């Protein structure tokens, strides 16, 4: 844990990570400081990059995107230029939730949400394999989401 954070800062981070909808008044009460102090501390945590942003977690099933697919991607070249071109192109794809450069058998792992296998088949054929530099993909359909977006333990 960075030394710049005291126990109150750490508690604010934990509480907001568990429930980003807490009001400043509720947060201040939970950490036993005044609302003004809590607001200043929270703003500092944002300003110093401890909190990137706050957002709602939307149910993929309710929006017809219940199928989770992980895709390993191998590029035809491993150069900084080919990585940059691929990354710029993949960032534009709306089905892709996460894209990670990895070490090992693949160059990238993608986390993709689609409605069903037919949706993925269309996406794969029309957009995924057409990305610049893609030599090979390997698809993993998620059967059960055991742990997803767990909070950081600190």
N, C-alpha and C. Protein backbone atom coordinates (compact mmCIF):
# COMPACT_ATOMS: atom_id res chain seq x y z
N UNK A 1 0.85 -1.18 0.00
CA UNK A 1 0.00 0.00 0.00
C UNK A 1 0.89 1.24 0.00
N UNK A 2 0.67 2.19 -0.92
CA UNK A 2 1.47 3.41 -0.94
C UNK A 2 1.37 4.16 0.38
N UNK A 3 2.47 4.77 0.79
CA UNK A 3 2.50 5.43 2.09
C UNK A 3 1.65 6.70 2.12
N UNK A 4 1.27 7.23 0.95
CA UNK A 4 0.48 8.45 0.90
C UNK A 4 -0.96 8.23 1.38
N UNK A 5 -1.37 6.99 1.49
CA UNK A 5 -2.73 6.69 1.92
C UNK A 5 -2.75 6.35 3.40
N UNK A 6 -3.64 7.02 4.12
CA UNK A 6 -3.82 6.64 5.52
C UNK A 6 -5.03 5.72 5.62
N UNK A 7 -5.39 5.34 6.83
CA UNK A 7 -6.48 4.37 7.01
C UNK A 7 -7.82 4.93 6.53
N UNK A 8 -8.04 6.23 6.64
CA UNK A 8 -9.29 6.82 6.17
C UNK A 8 -9.36 6.77 4.65
N UNK A 9 -8.27 7.13 3.98
CA UNK A 9 -8.24 7.04 2.51
C UNK A 9 -8.51 5.61 2.06
N UNK A 10 -7.87 4.66 2.71
CA UNK A 10 -8.04 3.25 2.36
C UNK A 10 -9.48 2.82 2.56
N UNK A 11 -10.09 3.27 3.64
CA UNK A 11 -11.49 2.91 3.90
C UNK A 11 -12.41 3.54 2.86
N UNK A 12 -12.14 4.78 2.47
CA UNK A 12 -12.93 5.44 1.42
C UNK A 12 -12.84 4.62 0.13
N UNK A 13 -11.63 4.22 -0.24
CA UNK A 13 -11.45 3.42 -1.46
C UNK A 13 -12.22 2.11 -1.39
N UNK A 14 -12.13 1.42 -0.27
CA UNK A 14 -12.83 0.14 -0.12
C UNK A 14 -14.34 0.32 -0.22
N UNK A 15 -14.86 1.35 0.46
CA UNK A 15 -16.31 1.57 0.45
C UNK A 15 -16.81 1.95 -0.94
N UNK A 16 -16.08 2.82 -1.64
CA UNK A 16 -16.50 3.21 -2.99
C UNK A 16 -16.38 2.06 -3.97
N UNK A 17 -15.37 1.21 -3.77
CA UNK A 17 -15.22 0.05 -4.63
C UNK A 17 -16.41 -0.91 -4.45
N UNK A 18 -16.90 -1.02 -3.23
CA UNK A 18 -18.03 -1.90 -2.95
C UNK A 18 -19.36 -1.29 -3.42
N UNK A 19 -19.47 0.05 -3.33
CA UNK A 19 -20.72 0.73 -3.71
C UNK A 19 -20.41 2.14 -4.16
N UNK A 20 -20.28 2.32 -5.46
CA UNK A 20 -19.97 3.63 -6.01
C UNK A 20 -21.11 4.62 -5.94
N UNK A 21 -22.28 4.18 -5.48
CA UNK A 21 -23.44 5.07 -5.36
C UNK A 21 -23.54 5.75 -4.00
N UNK A 22 -22.61 5.46 -3.11
CA UNK A 22 -22.66 6.12 -1.81
C UNK A 22 -22.59 7.63 -1.97
N UNK A 23 -23.44 8.32 -1.24
CA UNK A 23 -23.36 9.78 -1.26
C UNK A 23 -22.17 10.21 -0.43
N UNK A 24 -21.75 11.44 -0.62
CA UNK A 24 -20.64 11.96 0.18
C UNK A 24 -21.00 11.94 1.67
N UNK A 25 -22.25 12.25 1.99
CA UNK A 25 -22.68 12.25 3.40
C UNK A 25 -22.59 10.85 3.99
N UNK A 26 -23.05 9.84 3.23
CA UNK A 26 -22.98 8.45 3.71
C UNK A 26 -21.53 8.00 3.86
N UNK A 27 -20.71 8.37 2.91
CA UNK A 27 -19.30 8.01 2.95
C UNK A 27 -18.62 8.68 4.15
N UNK A 28 -18.90 9.94 4.36
CA UNK A 28 -18.30 10.68 5.48
C UNK A 28 -18.69 10.04 6.82
N UNK A 29 -19.94 9.67 6.94
CA UNK A 29 -20.40 9.04 8.17
C UNK A 29 -19.70 7.69 8.37
N UNK A 30 -19.54 6.93 7.31
CA UNK A 30 -18.93 5.60 7.41
C UNK A 30 -17.46 5.66 7.79
N UNK A 31 -16.77 6.73 7.43
CA UNK A 31 -15.35 6.85 7.76
C UNK A 31 -15.10 7.81 8.91
N UNK A 32 -16.17 8.32 9.50
CA UNK A 32 -16.12 9.19 10.68
C UNK A 32 -15.33 10.48 10.47
N UNK A 33 -15.65 11.17 9.36
CA UNK A 33 -15.10 12.51 9.12
C UNK A 33 -16.24 13.41 8.67
N UNK A 34 -16.01 14.71 8.63
CA UNK A 34 -17.04 15.64 8.17
C UNK A 34 -17.24 15.48 6.66
N UNK A 35 -18.42 15.84 6.17
CA UNK A 35 -18.65 15.77 4.73
C UNK A 35 -17.64 16.59 3.92
N UNK A 36 -17.26 17.75 4.41
CA UNK A 36 -16.29 18.59 3.69
C UNK A 36 -14.93 17.89 3.60
N UNK A 37 -14.49 17.29 4.71
CA UNK A 37 -13.22 16.56 4.72
C UNK A 37 -13.28 15.36 3.79
N UNK A 38 -14.40 14.65 3.83
CA UNK A 38 -14.58 13.48 2.98
C UNK A 38 -14.54 13.88 1.51
N UNK A 39 -15.20 14.97 1.18
CA UNK A 39 -15.21 15.44 -0.21
C UNK A 39 -13.80 15.80 -0.67
N UNK A 40 -13.05 16.51 0.16
CA UNK A 40 -11.67 16.87 -0.20
C UNK A 40 -10.82 15.62 -0.40
N UNK A 41 -10.95 14.66 0.50
CA UNK A 41 -10.16 13.43 0.38
C UNK A 41 -10.54 12.65 -0.88
N UNK A 42 -11.82 12.54 -1.15
CA UNK A 42 -12.27 11.82 -2.34
C UNK A 42 -11.77 12.51 -3.61
N UNK A 43 -11.86 13.84 -3.65
CA UNK A 43 -11.36 14.59 -4.80
C UNK A 43 -9.86 14.37 -4.98
N UNK A 44 -9.12 14.32 -3.88
CA UNK A 44 -7.68 14.08 -3.95
C UNK A 44 -7.40 12.67 -4.48
N UNK A 45 -8.20 11.69 -4.05
CA UNK A 45 -8.02 10.31 -4.54
C UNK A 45 -8.26 10.23 -6.05
N UNK A 46 -9.22 11.01 -6.55
CA UNK A 46 -9.42 11.10 -8.00
C UNK A 46 -8.23 11.80 -8.65
N UNK A 47 -7.85 12.94 -8.12
CA UNK A 47 -6.78 13.75 -8.72
C UNK A 47 -5.45 13.00 -8.77
N UNK A 48 -5.18 12.18 -7.75
CA UNK A 48 -3.91 11.45 -7.70
C UNK A 48 -3.98 10.10 -8.41
N UNK A 49 -5.13 9.78 -9.00
CA UNK A 49 -5.24 8.58 -9.80
C UNK A 49 -5.57 7.30 -9.04
N UNK A 50 -5.87 7.39 -7.76
CA UNK A 50 -6.26 6.19 -7.00
C UNK A 50 -7.64 5.70 -7.45
N UNK A 51 -8.49 6.62 -7.87
CA UNK A 51 -9.79 6.27 -8.44
C UNK A 51 -9.77 6.77 -9.88
N UNK A 52 -9.93 5.83 -10.81
CA UNK A 52 -9.95 6.22 -12.22
C UNK A 52 -11.29 6.84 -12.61
N UNK A 53 -12.36 6.15 -12.29
CA UNK A 53 -13.70 6.63 -12.59
C UNK A 53 -14.71 5.77 -11.83
N UNK A 54 -15.94 6.20 -11.84
CA UNK A 54 -17.03 5.47 -11.20
C UNK A 54 -18.08 5.21 -12.27
N UNK A 55 -18.58 3.97 -12.32
CA UNK A 55 -19.61 3.66 -13.30
C UNK A 55 -20.51 2.55 -12.78
N UNK A 56 -21.67 2.41 -13.42
CA UNK A 56 -22.61 1.35 -13.08
C UNK A 56 -22.21 0.08 -13.81
N UNK A 57 -22.46 -1.06 -13.20
CA UNK A 57 -22.25 -2.35 -13.86
C UNK A 57 -23.61 -2.78 -14.39
N UNK A 58 -23.74 -2.78 -15.71
CA UNK A 58 -24.99 -3.07 -16.37
C UNK A 58 -25.09 -4.58 -16.62
N UNK A 59 -26.27 -5.13 -16.46
CA UNK A 59 -26.49 -6.56 -16.66
C UNK A 59 -26.45 -6.90 -18.15
N UNK A 60 -25.45 -7.68 -18.58
CA UNK A 60 -25.39 -8.06 -20.00
C UNK A 60 -26.60 -8.87 -20.44
N UNK A 61 -27.12 -9.71 -19.57
CA UNK A 61 -28.26 -10.55 -19.91
C UNK A 61 -29.50 -9.69 -20.22
N UNK A 62 -29.71 -8.66 -19.44
CA UNK A 62 -30.88 -7.79 -19.65
C UNK A 62 -30.81 -7.07 -20.98
N UNK A 63 -29.60 -6.87 -21.50
CA UNK A 63 -29.43 -6.16 -22.77
C UNK A 63 -29.15 -7.10 -23.94
N UNK A 64 -29.39 -8.39 -23.72
CA UNK A 64 -29.24 -9.35 -24.81
C UNK A 64 -27.79 -9.66 -25.16
N UNK A 65 -26.89 -9.50 -24.21
CA UNK A 65 -25.48 -9.83 -24.43
C UNK A 65 -25.01 -10.83 -23.38
N UNK A 66 -25.76 -11.89 -23.19
CA UNK A 66 -25.48 -12.85 -22.13
C UNK A 66 -24.34 -13.81 -22.40
N UNK A 67 -23.89 -13.92 -23.64
CA UNK A 67 -22.81 -14.86 -23.95
C UNK A 67 -21.45 -14.17 -23.82
N UNK A 68 -20.60 -14.77 -23.01
CA UNK A 68 -19.24 -14.24 -22.79
C UNK A 68 -18.26 -15.12 -23.54
N UNK A 69 -17.39 -14.50 -24.31
CA UNK A 69 -16.43 -15.21 -25.12
C UNK A 69 -15.05 -14.63 -24.88
N UNK A 70 -14.08 -15.51 -24.68
CA UNK A 70 -12.68 -15.09 -24.57
C UNK A 70 -11.99 -15.53 -25.85
N UNK A 71 -11.19 -14.64 -26.43
CA UNK A 71 -10.52 -14.97 -27.68
C UNK A 71 -9.04 -14.67 -27.55
N UNK A 72 -8.23 -15.68 -27.84
CA UNK A 72 -6.80 -15.49 -27.93
C UNK A 72 -6.46 -15.12 -29.36
N UNK A 73 -5.63 -14.10 -29.54
CA UNK A 73 -5.27 -13.61 -30.87
C UNK A 73 -3.77 -13.70 -31.05
N UNK A 74 -3.36 -14.24 -32.19
CA UNK A 74 -1.95 -14.27 -32.57
C UNK A 74 -1.79 -13.37 -33.79
N UNK A 75 -0.85 -12.45 -33.74
CA UNK A 75 -0.59 -11.58 -34.88
C UNK A 75 0.46 -12.20 -35.79
N UNK A 76 0.50 -11.74 -37.02
CA UNK A 76 1.48 -12.30 -37.95
C UNK A 76 2.89 -11.77 -37.71
N UNK A 77 3.00 -10.63 -37.03
CA UNK A 77 4.31 -10.09 -36.67
C UNK A 77 4.27 -9.57 -35.24
N UNK A 78 5.40 -9.66 -34.55
CA UNK A 78 5.50 -9.14 -33.18
C UNK A 78 6.41 -7.92 -33.18
N UNK A 79 5.89 -6.83 -33.71
CA UNK A 79 6.64 -5.58 -33.74
C UNK A 79 5.81 -4.49 -33.07
N UNK A 80 6.46 -3.47 -32.55
CA UNK A 80 5.70 -2.37 -31.94
C UNK A 80 4.68 -1.75 -32.92
N UNK A 81 5.04 -1.67 -34.16
CA UNK A 81 4.13 -1.09 -35.16
C UNK A 81 2.89 -1.96 -35.36
N UNK A 82 3.10 -3.28 -35.50
CA UNK A 82 1.94 -4.16 -35.71
C UNK A 82 1.05 -4.18 -34.47
N UNK A 83 1.66 -4.14 -33.28
CA UNK A 83 0.85 -4.08 -32.05
C UNK A 83 0.03 -2.79 -32.03
N UNK A 84 0.63 -1.67 -32.35
CA UNK A 84 -0.06 -0.37 -32.31
C UNK A 84 -1.23 -0.34 -33.30
N UNK A 85 -1.01 -0.86 -34.49
CA UNK A 85 -2.07 -0.88 -35.51
C UNK A 85 -3.23 -1.76 -35.05
N UNK A 86 -2.90 -2.95 -34.52
CA UNK A 86 -3.95 -3.85 -34.02
C UNK A 86 -4.72 -3.19 -32.88
N UNK A 87 -4.01 -2.61 -31.93
CA UNK A 87 -4.66 -2.02 -30.76
C UNK A 87 -5.59 -0.87 -31.15
N UNK A 88 -5.18 -0.06 -32.09
CA UNK A 88 -6.03 1.05 -32.54
C UNK A 88 -7.31 0.51 -33.17
N UNK A 89 -7.18 -0.55 -33.98
CA UNK A 89 -8.35 -1.12 -34.66
C UNK A 89 -9.28 -1.84 -33.68
N UNK A 90 -8.73 -2.62 -32.76
CA UNK A 90 -9.57 -3.39 -31.84
C UNK A 90 -10.31 -2.47 -30.86
N UNK A 91 -9.73 -1.34 -30.54
CA UNK A 91 -10.38 -0.39 -29.62
C UNK A 91 -11.68 0.17 -30.20
N UNK A 92 -11.87 0.08 -31.49
CA UNK A 92 -13.08 0.60 -32.15
C UNK A 92 -14.22 -0.41 -32.16
N UNK A 93 -13.96 -1.67 -31.81
CA UNK A 93 -14.99 -2.71 -31.88
C UNK A 93 -15.87 -2.68 -30.64
N UNK A 94 -17.16 -2.52 -30.83
CA UNK A 94 -18.09 -2.35 -29.71
C UNK A 94 -18.33 -3.63 -28.92
N UNK A 95 -18.14 -4.79 -29.53
CA UNK A 95 -18.36 -6.05 -28.81
C UNK A 95 -17.22 -6.36 -27.84
N UNK A 96 -16.04 -5.78 -28.07
CA UNK A 96 -14.86 -6.08 -27.25
C UNK A 96 -14.91 -5.25 -25.97
N UNK A 97 -14.97 -5.95 -24.83
CA UNK A 97 -14.99 -5.28 -23.54
C UNK A 97 -13.58 -5.02 -23.02
N UNK A 98 -12.69 -5.99 -23.21
CA UNK A 98 -11.32 -5.89 -22.73
C UNK A 98 -10.39 -6.43 -23.79
N UNK A 99 -9.20 -5.85 -23.86
CA UNK A 99 -8.16 -6.34 -24.75
C UNK A 99 -6.85 -6.21 -24.00
N UNK A 100 -6.14 -7.34 -23.84
CA UNK A 100 -4.90 -7.35 -23.06
C UNK A 100 -3.77 -7.95 -23.87
N UNK A 101 -2.66 -7.24 -23.93
CA UNK A 101 -1.43 -7.79 -24.50
C UNK A 101 -0.87 -8.76 -23.47
N UNK A 102 -0.58 -9.99 -23.91
CA UNK A 102 -0.15 -11.02 -22.97
C UNK A 102 1.14 -11.70 -23.45
N UNK A 103 1.80 -12.36 -22.54
CA UNK A 103 2.96 -13.18 -22.87
C UNK A 103 2.49 -14.62 -22.95
N UNK A 104 3.11 -15.39 -23.83
CA UNK A 104 2.74 -16.81 -23.94
C UNK A 104 2.35 -17.18 -25.35
N UNK A 105 1.38 -18.07 -25.47
CA UNK A 105 0.99 -18.60 -26.77
C UNK A 105 0.24 -17.60 -27.64
N UNK A 106 -0.35 -16.58 -27.03
CA UNK A 106 -1.11 -15.58 -27.77
C UNK A 106 -0.45 -14.22 -27.59
N UNK A 107 -0.79 -13.31 -28.49
CA UNK A 107 -0.34 -11.92 -28.33
C UNK A 107 -1.36 -11.12 -27.51
N UNK A 108 -2.64 -11.40 -27.71
CA UNK A 108 -3.70 -10.66 -27.03
C UNK A 108 -4.79 -11.63 -26.56
N UNK A 109 -5.45 -11.25 -25.48
CA UNK A 109 -6.68 -11.89 -25.05
C UNK A 109 -7.78 -10.84 -25.09
N UNK A 110 -8.90 -11.21 -25.70
CA UNK A 110 -10.05 -10.33 -25.80
C UNK A 110 -11.20 -10.90 -24.99
N UNK A 111 -11.91 -10.03 -24.31
CA UNK A 111 -13.14 -10.40 -23.61
C UNK A 111 -14.28 -9.77 -24.40
N UNK A 112 -15.19 -10.61 -24.86
CA UNK A 112 -16.22 -10.17 -25.79
C UNK A 112 -17.60 -10.57 -25.26
N UNK A 113 -18.57 -9.68 -25.39
CA UNK A 113 -19.96 -9.98 -25.01
C UNK A 113 -20.81 -9.96 -26.27
N UNK A 114 -21.55 -11.03 -26.47
CA UNK A 114 -22.47 -11.15 -27.60
C UNK A 114 -23.78 -11.76 -27.12
N UNK A 115 -24.77 -11.76 -28.01
CA UNK A 115 -26.06 -12.35 -27.65
C UNK A 115 -26.03 -13.86 -27.60
N UNK A 116 -25.39 -14.45 -28.60
CA UNK A 116 -25.35 -15.90 -28.69
C UNK A 116 -24.24 -16.31 -29.66
N UNK A 117 -24.15 -17.61 -29.93
CA UNK A 117 -23.09 -18.11 -30.79
C UNK A 117 -23.22 -17.57 -32.21
N UNK A 118 -24.42 -17.39 -32.69
CA UNK A 118 -24.63 -16.85 -34.04
C UNK A 118 -24.10 -15.41 -34.11
N UNK A 119 -24.34 -14.63 -33.07
CA UNK A 119 -23.79 -13.26 -33.01
C UNK A 119 -22.27 -13.30 -33.08
N UNK A 120 -21.69 -14.19 -32.30
CA UNK A 120 -20.23 -14.28 -32.30
C UNK A 120 -19.72 -14.72 -33.67
N UNK A 121 -20.40 -15.66 -34.29
CA UNK A 121 -19.99 -16.14 -35.60
C UNK A 121 -19.96 -14.99 -36.61
N UNK A 122 -20.98 -14.14 -36.59
CA UNK A 122 -21.03 -12.97 -37.48
C UNK A 122 -19.89 -12.01 -37.15
N UNK A 123 -19.72 -11.71 -35.87
CA UNK A 123 -18.67 -10.80 -35.43
C UNK A 123 -17.29 -11.33 -35.80
N UNK A 124 -17.08 -12.62 -35.56
CA UNK A 124 -15.80 -13.25 -35.87
C UNK A 124 -15.49 -13.16 -37.36
N UNK A 125 -16.46 -13.53 -38.18
CA UNK A 125 -16.24 -13.55 -39.62
C UNK A 125 -16.15 -12.18 -40.26
N UNK A 126 -16.92 -11.22 -39.74
CA UNK A 126 -16.97 -9.89 -40.35
C UNK A 126 -15.91 -8.93 -39.81
N UNK A 127 -15.61 -9.05 -38.53
CA UNK A 127 -14.76 -8.01 -37.92
C UNK A 127 -13.49 -8.53 -37.27
N UNK A 128 -13.59 -9.59 -36.51
CA UNK A 128 -12.44 -10.03 -35.72
C UNK A 128 -11.28 -10.51 -36.59
N UNK A 129 -11.54 -11.44 -37.49
CA UNK A 129 -10.43 -11.96 -38.30
C UNK A 129 -9.98 -10.96 -39.37
N UNK A 130 -10.77 -9.88 -39.56
CA UNK A 130 -10.39 -8.84 -40.50
C UNK A 130 -9.50 -7.76 -39.86
N UNK A 131 -9.26 -7.87 -38.55
CA UNK A 131 -8.39 -6.89 -37.89
C UNK A 131 -6.98 -6.96 -38.47
N UNK A 132 -6.31 -5.84 -38.54
CA UNK A 132 -4.97 -5.85 -39.16
C UNK A 132 -3.98 -6.72 -38.40
N UNK A 133 -3.30 -7.58 -39.15
CA UNK A 133 -2.23 -8.40 -38.59
C UNK A 133 -2.66 -9.70 -37.96
N UNK A 134 -3.96 -9.98 -37.89
CA UNK A 134 -4.42 -11.20 -37.24
C UNK A 134 -4.06 -12.42 -38.08
N UNK A 135 -3.28 -13.31 -37.50
CA UNK A 135 -2.91 -14.56 -38.16
C UNK A 135 -3.80 -15.70 -37.70
N UNK A 136 -4.13 -15.71 -36.40
CA UNK A 136 -4.87 -16.83 -35.84
C UNK A 136 -5.68 -16.35 -34.64
N UNK A 137 -6.84 -16.96 -34.44
CA UNK A 137 -7.62 -16.73 -33.23
C UNK A 137 -7.98 -18.07 -32.62
N UNK A 138 -8.18 -18.05 -31.33
CA UNK A 138 -8.63 -19.25 -30.61
C UNK A 138 -9.74 -18.80 -29.68
N UNK A 139 -10.88 -19.41 -29.81
CA UNK A 139 -12.08 -18.97 -29.12
C UNK A 139 -12.43 -19.88 -27.95
N UNK A 140 -12.82 -19.26 -26.84
CA UNK A 140 -13.23 -19.97 -25.64
C UNK A 140 -14.59 -19.42 -25.22
N UNK A 141 -15.66 -20.24 -25.32
CA UNK A 141 -16.97 -19.82 -24.87
C UNK A 141 -17.07 -20.08 -23.37
N UNK A 142 -17.42 -19.06 -22.62
CA UNK A 142 -17.50 -19.18 -21.16
C UNK A 142 -18.80 -19.88 -20.80
N UNK A 143 -18.67 -20.97 -20.06
CA UNK A 143 -19.84 -21.74 -19.66
C UNK A 143 -20.45 -21.24 -18.36
N UNK A 144 -19.59 -20.70 -17.49
CA UNK A 144 -20.06 -20.20 -16.21
C UNK A 144 -19.09 -19.12 -15.73
N UNK A 145 -19.63 -17.99 -15.32
CA UNK A 145 -18.80 -16.91 -14.79
C UNK A 145 -18.67 -17.10 -13.28
N UNK A 146 -17.56 -17.61 -12.86
CA UNK A 146 -17.36 -17.94 -11.46
C UNK A 146 -16.97 -16.68 -10.67
N UNK A 147 -15.98 -15.94 -11.14
CA UNK A 147 -15.58 -14.67 -10.54
C UNK A 147 -15.46 -13.68 -11.68
N UNK A 148 -16.17 -12.57 -11.58
CA UNK A 148 -16.12 -11.56 -12.63
C UNK A 148 -16.04 -10.18 -11.99
N UNK A 149 -15.03 -9.45 -12.38
CA UNK A 149 -14.85 -8.07 -11.91
C UNK A 149 -14.82 -7.98 -10.38
N UNK A 150 -14.07 -8.86 -9.75
CA UNK A 150 -13.95 -8.85 -8.30
C UNK A 150 -13.24 -7.57 -7.83
N UNK A 151 -13.56 -7.09 -6.66
CA UNK A 151 -12.87 -5.89 -6.16
C UNK A 151 -11.42 -6.21 -5.81
N UNK A 152 -10.57 -5.19 -5.90
CA UNK A 152 -9.18 -5.35 -5.50
C UNK A 152 -9.10 -5.61 -4.01
N UNK A 153 -8.21 -6.46 -3.61
CA UNK A 153 -8.00 -6.76 -2.19
C UNK A 153 -6.79 -5.96 -1.71
N UNK A 154 -7.04 -4.98 -0.84
CA UNK A 154 -5.95 -4.17 -0.29
C UNK A 154 -6.25 -3.77 1.13
